[in-house]
Amino acid sequence: MTLSTLLVIILILILLGAIPAWPHSRGWGYGPSGIVGVILIVLLILVLMGRI
């Protein structure tokens, strides 16, 4: 398992934990999940392009 694959898995788990449907993050709104989602998309694009 490469480092980039591990980073993608960790970011997906963080994204799932930041979704406002869960009780611990209900008051946060969509901000944290949106930010983590953008980071995940950028990282996936870099992985697919072979930069990481």
C-alpha atoms as a PDB file:
ATOM      1  CA  MET A   1       0.000   0.000   0.000  1.00  0.00           C
ATOM      2  CA  THR A   2       1.475   3.301  -1.044  1.00  0.00           C
ATOM      3  CA  LEU A   3       1.415   6.514   0.911  1.00  0.00           C
ATOM      4  CA  SER A   4      -1.024   8.166  -1.492  1.00  0.00           C
ATOM      5  CA  THR A   5      -3.499   5.305  -1.122  1.00  0.00           C
ATOM      6  CA  LEU A   6      -3.260   5.601   2.638  1.00  0.00           C
ATOM      7  CA  LEU A   7      -3.862   9.364   2.440  1.00  0.00           C
ATOM      8  CA  VAL A   8      -6.950   8.850   0.273  1.00  0.00           C
ATOM      9  CA  ILE A   9      -8.375   6.297   2.717  1.00  0.00           C
ATOM     10  CA  ILE A  10      -7.759   8.601   5.692  1.00  0.00           C
ATOM     11  CA  LEU A  11      -9.363  11.562   3.900  1.00  0.00           C
ATOM     12  CA  ILE A  12     -12.420   9.468   3.013  1.00  0.00           C
ATOM     13  CA  LEU A  13     -12.813   8.475   6.658  1.00  0.00           C
ATOM     14  CA  ILE A  14     -12.472  12.112   7.760  1.00  0.00           C
ATOM     15  CA  LEU A  15     -15.045  13.126   5.141  1.00  0.00           C
ATOM     16  CA  LEU A  16     -17.495  10.525   6.430  1.00  0.00           C
ATOM     17  CA  GLY A  17     -16.962  11.706   9.999  1.00  0.00           C
ATOM     18  CA  ALA A  18     -17.622  15.339   9.051  1.00  0.00           C
ATOM     19  CA  ILE A  19     -20.972  14.719   7.327  1.00  0.00           C
ATOM     20  CA  PRO A  20     -23.643  16.635   9.291  1.00  0.00           C
ATOM     21  CA  ALA A  21     -25.908  13.567   9.562  1.00  0.00           C
ATOM     22  CA  TRP A  22     -23.907  12.198  12.484  1.00  0.00           C
ATOM     23  CA  PRO A  23     -24.920  13.409  15.979  1.00  0.00           C
ATOM     24  CA  HIS A  24     -21.461  14.701  16.945  1.00  0.00           C
ATOM     25  CA  SER A  25     -21.228  16.959  13.879  1.00  0.00           C
ATOM     26  CA  ARG A  26     -24.848  18.045  13.411  1.00  0.00           C
ATOM     27  CA  GLY A  27     -24.199  21.672  14.428  1.00  0.00           C
ATOM     28  CA  TRP A  28     -21.134  22.123  12.212  1.00  0.00           C
ATOM     29  CA  GLY A  29     -23.017  22.611   8.933  1.00  0.00           C
ATOM     30  CA  TYR A  30     -21.533  21.635   5.587  1.00  0.00           C
ATOM     31  CA  GLY A  31     -18.286  23.580   5.951  1.00  0.00           C
ATOM     32  CA  PRO A  32     -15.946  20.862   7.270  1.00  0.00           C
ATOM     33  CA  SER A  33     -17.204  18.163   4.925  1.00  0.00           C
ATOM     34  CA  GLY A  34     -16.970  20.551   1.974  1.00  0.00           C
ATOM     35  CA  ILE A  35     -13.386  21.477   2.768  1.00  0.00           C
ATOM     36  CA  VAL A  36     -12.341  17.853   3.241  1.00  0.00           C
ATOM     37  CA  GLY A  37     -14.202  16.947   0.041  1.00  0.00           C
ATOM     38  CA  VAL A  38     -12.273  19.536  -1.958  1.00  0.00           C
ATOM     39  CA  ILE A  39      -8.971  18.296  -0.493  1.00  0.00           C
ATOM     40  CA  LEU A  40      -9.964  14.729  -1.385  1.00  0.00           C
ATOM     41  CA  ILE A  41     -10.829  15.674  -4.969  1.00  0.00           C
ATOM     42  CA  VAL A  42      -7.536  17.542  -5.433  1.00  0.00           C
ATOM     43  CA  LEU A  43      -5.593  14.604  -3.988  1.00  0.00           C
ATOM     44  CA  LEU A  44      -7.424  12.133  -6.230  1.00  0.00           C
ATOM     45  CA  ILE A  45      -6.661  14.263  -9.304  1.00  0.00           C
ATOM     46  CA  LEU A  46      -2.978  14.394  -8.341  1.00  0.00           C
ATOM     47  CA  VAL A  47      -2.895  10.624  -7.812  1.00  0.00           C
ATOM     48  CA  LEU A  48      -4.552   9.958 -11.158  1.00  0.00           C
ATOM     49  CA  MET A  49      -2.119  12.304 -12.913  1.00  0.00           C
ATOM     50  CA  GLY A  50       0.805  10.492 -11.285  1.00  0.00           C
ATOM     51  CA  ARG A  51       2.122  13.503  -9.368  1.00  0.00           C
ATOM     52  CA  ILE A  52       1.973  11.783  -5.965  1.00  0.00           C
END
